[in-house]
PDB file of N, CA and C in Angstrom:
ATOM      1  N   UNK A   1       0.807  -1.185   0.000  1.00  0.00           N
ATOM      2  CA  UNK A   1       0.000   0.000   0.000  1.00  0.00           C
ATOM      3  C   UNK A   1       0.851   1.249   0.000  1.00  0.00           C
ATOM      4  N   UNK A   2       2.046   1.164   0.527  1.00  0.00           N
ATOM      5  CA  UNK A   2       2.930   2.324   0.558  1.00  0.00           C
ATOM      6  C   UNK A   2       3.202   2.873  -0.828  1.00  0.00           C
ATOM      7  N   UNK A   3       3.333   1.985  -1.808  1.00  0.00           N
ATOM      8  CA  UNK A   3       3.556   2.411  -3.193  1.00  0.00           C
ATOM      9  C   UNK A   3       2.406   3.293  -3.666  1.00  0.00           C
ATOM     10  N   UNK A   4       1.183   2.851  -3.433  1.00  0.00           N
ATOM     11  CA  UNK A   4       0.018   3.611  -3.883  1.00  0.00           C
ATOM     12  C   UNK A   4      -0.080   4.957  -3.163  1.00  0.00           C
ATOM     13  N   UNK A   5       0.239   4.979  -1.884  1.00  0.00           N
ATOM     14  CA  UNK A   5       0.204   6.238  -1.148  1.00  0.00           C
ATOM     15  C   UNK A   5       1.237   7.214  -1.706  1.00  0.00           C
ATOM     16  N   UNK A   6       2.416   6.725  -2.056  1.00  0.00           N
ATOM     17  CA  UNK A   6       3.442   7.583  -2.642  1.00  0.00           C
ATOM     18  C   UNK A   6       3.013   8.114  -4.007  1.00  0.00           C
ATOM     19  N   UNK A   7       2.119   7.413  -4.680  1.00  0.00           N
ATOM     20  CA  UNK A   7       1.613   7.843  -5.989  1.00  0.00           C
ATOM     21  C   UNK A   7       0.363   8.721  -5.857  1.00  0.00           C
ATOM     22  N   UNK A   8       0.014   9.113  -4.647  1.00  0.00           N
ATOM     23  CA  UNK A   8      -1.095  10.026  -4.443  1.00  0.00           C
ATOM     24  C   UNK A   8      -2.438   9.383  -4.157  1.00  0.00           C
ATOM     25  N   UNK A   9      -2.461   8.075  -4.008  1.00  0.00           N
ATOM     26  CA  UNK A   9      -3.713   7.392  -3.675  1.00  0.00           C
ATOM     27  C   UNK A   9      -3.960   7.482  -2.176  1.00  0.00           C
ATOM     28  N   UNK A  10      -5.223   7.420  -1.794  1.00  0.00           N
ATOM     29  CA  UNK A  10      -5.587   7.423  -0.382  1.00  0.00           C
ATOM     30  C   UNK A  10      -6.374   6.153  -0.081  1.00  0.00           C
ATOM     31  N   UNK A  11      -6.031   5.517   1.014  1.00  0.00           N
ATOM     32  CA  UNK A  11      -6.715   4.301   1.406  1.00  0.00           C
ATOM     33  C   UNK A  11      -7.986   4.595   2.173  1.00  0.00           C
ATOM     34  N   UNK A  12      -9.005   3.796   1.921  1.00  0.00           N
ATOM     35  CA  UNK A  12     -10.260   3.844   2.664  1.00  0.00           C
ATOM     36  C   UNK A  12     -10.596   2.420   3.060  1.00  0.00           C
ATOM     37  N   UNK A  13     -11.022   2.251   4.286  1.00  0.00           N
ATOM     38  CA  UNK A  13     -11.413   0.919   4.744  1.00  0.00           C
ATOM     39  C   UNK A  13     -12.880   0.697   4.405  1.00  0.00           C
ATOM     40  N   UNK A  14     -13.143  -0.322   3.607  1.00  0.00           N
ATOM     41  CA  UNK A  14     -14.506  -0.690   3.229  1.00  0.00           C
ATOM     42  C   UNK A  14     -14.943  -1.848   4.109  1.00  0.00           C
ATOM     43  N   UNK A  15     -16.048  -1.644   4.819  1.00  0.00           N
ATOM     44  CA  UNK A  15     -16.609  -2.691   5.676  1.00  0.00           C
ATOM     45  C   UNK A  15     -17.982  -3.036   5.110  1.00  0.00           C
ATOM     46  N   UNK A  16     -18.164  -4.301   4.741  1.00  0.00           N
ATOM     47  CA  UNK A  16     -19.448  -4.783   4.235  1.00  0.00           C
ATOM     48  C   UNK A  16     -19.988  -5.805   5.220  1.00  0.00           C
ATOM     49  N   UNK A  17     -21.327  -5.832   5.321  1.00  0.00           N
ATOM     50  CA  UNK A  17     -21.888  -6.776   6.281  1.00  0.00           C
ATOM     51  C   UNK A  17     -23.245  -7.281   5.817  1.00  0.00           C
ATOM     52  N   UNK A  18     -23.503  -8.513   6.179  1.00  0.00           N
ATOM     53  CA  UNK A  18     -24.773  -9.188   5.880  1.00  0.00           C
ATOM     54  C   UNK A  18     -25.237  -9.857   7.173  1.00  0.00           C
ATOM     55  N   UNK A  19     -26.535 -10.163   7.284  1.00  0.00           N
ATOM     56  CA  UNK A  19     -27.027 -10.814   8.506  1.00  0.00           C
ATOM     57  C   UNK A  19     -26.191 -12.056   8.828  1.00  0.00           C
ATOM     58  N   UNK A  20     -25.902 -12.250  10.090  1.00  0.00           N
ATOM     59  CA  UNK A  20     -26.503 -11.652  11.273  1.00  0.00           C
ATOM     60  C   UNK A  20     -25.921 -10.287  11.669  1.00  0.00           C
ATOM     61  N   UNK A  21     -24.888  -9.808  10.996  1.00  0.00           N
ATOM     62  CA  UNK A  21     -24.291  -8.522  11.352  1.00  0.00           C
ATOM     63  C   UNK A  21     -25.248  -7.378  11.003  1.00  0.00           C
ATOM     64  N   UNK A  22     -25.185  -6.317  11.818  1.00  0.00           N
ATOM     65  CA  UNK A  22     -26.036  -5.145  11.591  1.00  0.00           C
ATOM     66  C   UNK A  22     -25.196  -3.880  11.715  1.00  0.00           C
ATOM     67  N   UNK A  23     -25.613  -2.853  10.975  1.00  0.00           N
ATOM     68  CA  UNK A  23     -24.876  -1.599  10.990  1.00  0.00           C
ATOM     69  C   UNK A  23     -24.730  -1.056  12.413  1.00  0.00           C
ATOM     70  N   UNK A  24     -25.791  -1.110  13.203  1.00  0.00           N
ATOM     71  CA  UNK A  24     -25.739  -0.546  14.552  1.00  0.00           C
ATOM     72  C   UNK A  24     -24.786  -1.299  15.477  1.00  0.00           C
ATOM     73  N   UNK A  25     -24.368  -2.493  15.082  1.00  0.00           N
ATOM     74  CA  UNK A  25     -23.363  -3.242  15.846  1.00  0.00           C
ATOM     75  C   UNK A  25     -21.953  -2.973  15.335  1.00  0.00           C
ATOM     76  N   UNK A  26     -21.842  -2.698  14.034  1.00  0.00           N
ATOM     77  CA  UNK A  26     -20.526  -2.517  13.415  1.00  0.00           C
ATOM     78  C   UNK A  26     -20.033  -1.076  13.548  1.00  0.00           C
ATOM     79  N   UNK A  27     -20.906  -0.102  13.323  1.00  0.00           N
ATOM     80  CA  UNK A  27     -20.506   1.305  13.316  1.00  0.00           C
ATOM     81  C   UNK A  27     -19.809   1.755  14.609  1.00  0.00           C
ATOM     82  N   UNK A  28     -20.270   1.354  15.788  1.00  0.00           N
ATOM     83  CA  UNK A  28     -19.592   1.812  17.016  1.00  0.00           C
ATOM     84  C   UNK A  28     -18.126   1.370  17.107  1.00  0.00           C
ATOM     85  N   UNK A  29     -17.761   0.323  16.397  1.00  0.00           N
ATOM     86  CA  UNK A  29     -16.370  -0.128  16.413  1.00  0.00           C
ATOM     87  C   UNK A  29     -15.440   0.892  15.754  1.00  0.00           C
ATOM     88  N   UNK A  30     -16.027   1.810  14.973  1.00  0.00           N
ATOM     89  CA  UNK A  30     -15.261   2.839  14.274  1.00  0.00           C
ATOM     90  C   UNK A  30     -15.751   4.232  14.662  1.00  0.00           C
ATOM     91  N   UNK A  31     -16.213   4.384  15.895  1.00  0.00           N
ATOM     92  CA  UNK A  31     -16.781   5.648  16.364  1.00  0.00           C
ATOM     93  C   UNK A  31     -15.774   6.795  16.322  1.00  0.00           C
ATOM     94  N   UNK A  32     -14.483   6.482  16.299  1.00  0.00           N
ATOM     95  CA  UNK A  32     -13.458   7.525  16.281  1.00  0.00           C
ATOM     96  C   UNK A  32     -13.156   8.036  14.868  1.00  0.00           C
ATOM     97  N   UNK A  33     -13.938   7.591  13.863  1.00  0.00           N
ATOM     98  CA  UNK A  33     -13.758   8.020  12.477  1.00  0.00           C
ATOM     99  C   UNK A  33     -15.093   8.438  11.877  1.00  0.00           C
ATOM    100  N   UNK A  34     -15.036   9.305  10.879  1.00  0.00           N
ATOM    101  CA  UNK A  34     -16.241   9.613  10.106  1.00  0.00           C
ATOM    102  C   UNK A  34     -16.568   8.393   9.256  1.00  0.00           C
ATOM    103  N   UNK A  35     -17.850   8.104   9.103  1.00  0.00           N
ATOM    104  CA  UNK A  35     -18.296   6.951   8.330  1.00  0.00           C
ATOM    105  C   UNK A  35     -19.202   7.410   7.196  1.00  0.00           C
ATOM    106  N   UNK A  36     -19.022   6.814   6.035  1.00  0.00           N
ATOM    107  CA  UNK A  36     -19.903   7.053   4.902  1.00  0.00           C
ATOM    108  C   UNK A  36     -20.694   5.773   4.693  1.00  0.00           C
ATOM    109  N   UNK A  37     -22.001   5.879   4.772  1.00  0.00           N
ATOM    110  CA  UNK A  37     -22.857   4.705   4.650  1.00  0.00           C
ATOM    111  C   UNK A  37     -23.359   4.584   3.210  1.00  0.00           C
ATOM    112  N   UNK A  38     -23.111   3.432   2.586  1.00  0.00           N
ATOM    113  CA  UNK A  38     -23.569   3.168   1.226  1.00  0.00           C
ATOM    114  C   UNK A  38     -24.126   1.748   1.161  1.00  0.00           C
ATOM    115  N   UNK A  39     -24.530   1.373  -0.023  1.00  0.00           N
ATOM    116  CA  UNK A  39     -25.048   0.021  -0.251  1.00  0.00           C
ATOM    117  C   UNK A  39     -24.716  -0.368  -1.683  1.00  0.00           C
ATOM    118  N   UNK A  40     -24.360  -1.621  -1.904  1.00  0.00           N
ATOM    119  CA  UNK A  40     -24.074  -2.130  -3.232  1.00  0.00           C
ATOM    120  C   UNK A  40     -24.757  -3.483  -3.382  1.00  0.00           C
ATOM    121  N   UNK A  41     -25.628  -3.604  -4.357  1.00  0.00           N
ATOM    122  CA  UNK A  41     -26.386  -4.837  -4.596  1.00  0.00           C
ATOM    123  C   UNK A  41     -26.990  -5.394  -3.310  1.00  0.00           C
ATOM    124  N   UNK A  42     -27.677  -4.525  -2.583  1.00  0.00           N
ATOM    125  CA  UNK A  42     -28.356  -4.870  -1.330  1.00  0.00           C
ATOM    126  C   UNK A  42     -27.415  -5.277  -0.199  1.00  0.00           C
ATOM    127  N   UNK A  43     -26.134  -4.986  -0.339  1.00  0.00           N
ATOM    128  CA  UNK A  43     -25.169  -5.269   0.725  1.00  0.00           C
ATOM    129  C   UNK A  43     -24.794  -3.935   1.384  1.00  0.00           C
ATOM    130  N   UNK A  44     -25.128  -3.742   2.662  1.00  0.00           N
ATOM    131  CA  UNK A  44     -24.766  -2.502   3.360  1.00  0.00           C
ATOM    132  C   UNK A  44     -23.248  -2.362   3.462  1.00  0.00           C
ATOM    133  N   UNK A  45     -22.806  -1.114   3.338  1.00  0.00           N
ATOM    134  CA  UNK A  45     -21.376  -0.828   3.406  1.00  0.00           C
ATOM    135  C   UNK A  45     -21.132   0.369   4.311  1.00  0.00           C
ATOM    136  N   UNK A  46     -20.007   0.353   4.970  1.00  0.00           N
ATOM    137  CA  UNK A  46     -19.492   1.511   5.689  1.00  0.00           C
ATOM    138  C   UNK A  46     -18.090   1.789   5.155  1.00  0.00           C
ATOM    139  N   UNK A  47     -17.859   3.026   4.743  1.00  0.00           N
ATOM    140  CA  UNK A  47     -16.532   3.459   4.328  1.00  0.00           C
ATOM    141  C   UNK A  47     -15.942   4.241   5.495  1.00  0.00           C
ATOM    142  N   UNK A  48     -14.875   3.709   6.071  1.00  0.00           N
ATOM    143  CA  UNK A  48     -14.231   4.352   7.211  1.00  0.00           C
ATOM    144  C   UNK A  48     -13.240   5.382   6.666  1.00  0.00           C
ATOM    145  N   UNK A  49     -13.480   6.653   6.998  1.00  0.00           N
ATOM    146  CA  UNK A  49     -12.660   7.753   6.491  1.00  0.00           C
ATOM    147  C   UNK A  49     -11.445   7.923   7.399  1.00  0.00           C
ATOM    148  N   UNK A  50     -10.312   7.462   6.944  1.00  0.00           N
ATOM    149  CA  UNK A  50      -9.092   7.485   7.749  1.00  0.00           C
ATOM    150  C   UNK A  50      -8.077   8.443   7.134  1.00  0.00           C
ATOM    151  N   UNK A  51      -7.232   9.058   7.952  1.00  0.00           N
ATOM    152  CA  UNK A  51      -6.214   9.958   7.409  1.00  0.00           C
ATOM    153  C   UNK A  51      -5.084   9.207   6.706  1.00  0.00           C
ATOM    154  N   UNK A  52      -4.891   7.945   7.066  1.00  0.00           N
ATOM    155  CA  UNK A  52      -3.855   7.113   6.439  1.00  0.00           C
ATOM    156  C   UNK A  52      -4.217   5.645   6.639  1.00  0.00           C
ATOM    157  N   UNK A  53      -3.561   4.794   5.886  1.00  0.00           N
ATOM    158  CA  UNK A  53      -3.815   3.357   5.993  1.00  0.00           C
ATOM    159  C   UNK A  53      -3.295   2.851   7.336  1.00  0.00           C
ATOM    160  N   UNK A  54      -4.141   2.151   8.044  1.00  0.00           N
ATOM    161  CA  UNK A  54      -3.783   1.506   9.306  1.00  0.00           C
ATOM    162  C   UNK A  54      -4.349   0.096   9.237  1.00  0.00           C
ATOM    163  N   UNK A  55      -3.497  -0.843   8.870  1.00  0.00           N
ATOM    164  CA  UNK A  55      -3.962  -2.211   8.643  1.00  0.00           C
ATOM    165  C   UNK A  55      -4.581  -2.851   9.877  1.00  0.00           C
ATOM    166  N   UNK A  56      -4.309  -2.314  11.048  1.00  0.00           N
ATOM    167  CA  UNK A  56      -4.883  -2.900  12.262  1.00  0.00           C
ATOM    168  C   UNK A  56      -6.372  -2.590  12.403  1.00  0.00           C
ATOM    169  N   UNK A  57      -6.891  -1.597  11.665  1.00  0.00           N
ATOM    170  CA  UNK A  57      -8.312  -1.259  11.781  1.00  0.00           C
ATOM    171  C   UNK A  57      -9.210  -2.414  11.355  1.00  0.00           C
ATOM    172  N   UNK A  58      -8.787  -3.182  10.359  1.00  0.00           N
ATOM    173  CA  UNK A  58      -9.591  -4.324   9.919  1.00  0.00           C
ATOM    174  C   UNK A  58      -9.716  -5.374  11.023  1.00  0.00           C
ATOM    175  N   UNK A  59      -8.770  -5.367  11.943  1.00  0.00           N
ATOM    176  CA  UNK A  59      -8.828  -6.324  13.056  1.00  0.00           C
ATOM    177  C   UNK A  59     -10.038  -6.090  13.957  1.00  0.00           C
ATOM    178  N   UNK A  60     -10.599  -4.895  13.927  1.00  0.00           N
ATOM    179  CA  UNK A  60     -11.750  -4.586  14.783  1.00  0.00           C
ATOM    180  C   UNK A  60     -12.967  -5.435  14.428  1.00  0.00           C
ATOM    181  N   UNK A  61     -13.041  -5.919  13.189  1.00  0.00           N
ATOM    182  CA  UNK A  61     -14.198  -6.730  12.781  1.00  0.00           C
ATOM    183  C   UNK A  61     -13.823  -8.179  12.484  1.00  0.00           C
ATOM    184  N   UNK A  62     -12.560  -8.506  12.620  1.00  0.00           N
ATOM    185  CA  UNK A  62     -12.125  -9.876  12.352  1.00  0.00           C
ATOM    186  C   UNK A  62     -12.842 -10.843  13.290  1.00  0.00           C
ATOM    187  N   UNK A  63     -13.416 -11.895  12.721  1.00  0.00           N
ATOM    188  CA  UNK A  63     -14.101 -12.905  13.509  1.00  0.00           C
ATOM    189  C   UNK A  63     -15.581 -12.650  13.724  1.00  0.00           C
ATOM    190  N   UNK A  64     -16.082 -11.485  13.295  1.00  0.00           N
ATOM    191  CA  UNK A  64     -17.516 -11.219  13.431  1.00  0.00           C
ATOM    192  C   UNK A  64     -18.264 -11.852  12.266  1.00  0.00           C
ATOM    193  N   UNK A  65     -19.300 -12.629  12.555  1.00  0.00           N
ATOM    194  CA  UNK A  65     -20.078 -13.283  11.503  1.00  0.00           C
ATOM    195  C   UNK A  65     -20.714 -12.260  10.573  1.00  0.00           C
ATOM    196  N   UNK A  66     -20.522 -12.459   9.276  1.00  0.00           N
ATOM    197  CA  UNK A  66     -21.171 -11.621   8.276  1.00  0.00           C
ATOM    198  C   UNK A  66     -20.505 -10.287   8.013  1.00  0.00           C
ATOM    199  N   UNK A  67     -19.321 -10.046   8.584  1.00  0.00           N
ATOM    200  CA  UNK A  67     -18.634  -8.767   8.396  1.00  0.00           C
ATOM    201  C   UNK A  67     -17.328  -9.015   7.654  1.00  0.00           C
ATOM    202  N   UNK A  68     -17.104  -8.205   6.620  1.00  0.00           N
ATOM    203  CA  UNK A  68     -15.894  -8.333   5.803  1.00  0.00           C
ATOM    204  C   UNK A  68     -15.293  -6.948   5.619  1.00  0.00           C
ATOM    205  N   UNK A  69     -13.992  -6.831   5.809  1.00  0.00           N
ATOM    206  CA  UNK A  69     -13.319  -5.544   5.669  1.00  0.00           C
ATOM    207  C   UNK A  69     -12.128  -5.681   4.732  1.00  0.00           C
ATOM    208  N   UNK A  70     -11.917  -4.640   3.925  1.00  0.00           N
ATOM    209  CA  UNK A  70     -10.752  -4.613   3.050  1.00  0.00           C
ATOM    210  C   UNK A  70     -10.394  -3.166   2.741  1.00  0.00           C
ATOM    211  N   UNK A  71      -9.135  -2.937   2.452  1.00  0.00           N
ATOM    212  CA  UNK A  71      -8.678  -1.606   2.080  1.00  0.00           C
ATOM    213  C   UNK A  71      -8.875  -1.405   0.588  1.00  0.00           C
ATOM    214  N   UNK A  72      -9.340  -0.210   0.245  1.00  0.00           N
ATOM    215  CA  UNK A  72      -9.537   0.180  -1.154  1.00  0.00           C
ATOM    216  C   UNK A  72      -8.728   1.452  -1.367  1.00  0.00           C
ATOM    217  N   UNK A  73      -7.935   1.480  -2.423  1.00  0.00           N
ATOM    218  CA  UNK A  73      -7.123   2.653  -2.727  1.00  0.00           C
ATOM    219  C   UNK A  73      -7.859   3.514  -3.747  1.00  0.00           C
ATOM    220  N   UNK A  74      -7.878   4.823  -3.508  1.00  0.00           N
ATOM    221  CA  UNK A  74      -8.657   5.754  -4.319  1.00  0.00           C
ATOM    222  C   UNK A  74      -7.809   6.971  -4.644  1.00  0.00           C
ATOM    223  N   UNK A  75      -8.004   7.490  -5.856  1.00  0.00           N
ATOM    224  CA  UNK A  75      -7.290   8.700  -6.255  1.00  0.00           C
ATOM    225  C   UNK A  75      -8.198   9.538  -7.142  1.00  0.00           C
ATOM    226  N   UNK A  76      -8.247  10.826  -6.883  1.00  0.00           N
ATOM    227  CA  UNK A  76      -9.015  11.743  -7.716  1.00  0.00           C
ATOM    228  C   UNK A  76      -8.189  12.030  -8.960  1.00  0.00           C
ATOM    229  N   UNK A  77      -8.564  11.432 -10.070  1.00  0.00           N
ATOM    230  CA  UNK A  77      -7.798  11.585 -11.307  1.00  0.00           C
ATOM    231  C   UNK A  77      -8.050  12.930 -11.980  1.00  0.00           C
ATOM    232  N   UNK A  78      -9.028  13.690 -11.475  1.00  0.00           N
ATOM    233  CA  UNK A  78      -9.312  15.007 -12.027  1.00  0.00           C
ATOM    234  C   UNK A  78      -8.551  16.117 -11.310  1.00  0.00           C
ATOM    235  N   UNK A  79      -7.852  15.779 -10.240  1.00  0.00           N
ATOM    236  CA  UNK A  79      -7.094  16.776  -9.492  1.00  0.00           C
ATOM    237  C   UNK A  79      -5.864  17.180 -10.306  1.00  0.00           C
ATOM    238  N   UNK A  80      -5.423  18.430 -10.161  1.00  0.00           N
ATOM    239  CA  UNK A  80      -4.217  18.846 -10.897  1.00  0.00           C
ATOM    240  C   UNK A  80      -3.025  18.018 -10.467  1.00  0.00           C
ATOM    241  N   UNK A  81      -2.195  17.687 -11.415  1.00  0.00           N
ATOM    242  CA  UNK A  81      -1.002  16.881 -11.128  1.00  0.00           C
ATOM    243  C   UNK A  81       0.023  17.727 -10.372  1.00  0.00           C
ATOM    244  N   UNK A  82       0.728  17.077  -9.485  1.00  0.00           N
ATOM    245  CA  UNK A  82       1.800  17.762  -8.737  1.00  0.00           C
ATOM    246  C   UNK A  82       2.986  17.968  -9.649  1.00  0.00           C
ATOM    247  N   UNK A  83       3.693  19.078  -9.455  1.00  0.00           N
ATOM    248  CA  UNK A  83       4.888  19.359 -10.231  1.00  0.00           C
ATOM    249  C   UNK A  83       6.052  18.589  -9.615  1.00  0.00           C
ATOM    250  N   UNK A  84       6.491  17.558 -10.302  1.00  0.00           N
ATOM    251  CA  UNK A  84       7.579  16.722  -9.785  1.00  0.00           C
ATOM    252  C   UNK A  84       8.891  16.982 -10.527  1.00  0.00           C
ATOM    253  N   UNK A  85       8.949  18.061 -11.310  1.00  0.00           N
ATOM    254  CA  UNK A  85      10.134  18.347 -12.128  1.00  0.00           C
ATOM    255  C   UNK A  85      11.247  19.001 -11.314  1.00  0.00           C
ATOM    256  N   UNK A  86      10.966  19.370 -10.079  1.00  0.00           N
ATOM    257  CA  UNK A  86      11.987  20.053  -9.259  1.00  0.00           C
ATOM    258  C   UNK A  86      13.007  19.114  -8.751  1.00  0.00           C
TER     259      UNK A  86
END
């Protein structure tokens, strides 16, 4: 992930859950972060807004039935490119 961060990408932790897991049980585990709630093909999702990649955050849901977490790297391709010629 360090390579992607050096290239201007930002990591976001994607947490998806299906029954028996529920949003009201999962969200408090990330109360110290802003959460974006979405859904994809009837699967509830929480995007944990983190300032940097912290692989230990996925451990907060490890072992919970119906909860899956993974890091997704994102970059705004419309943003002006940084001047790296210096």
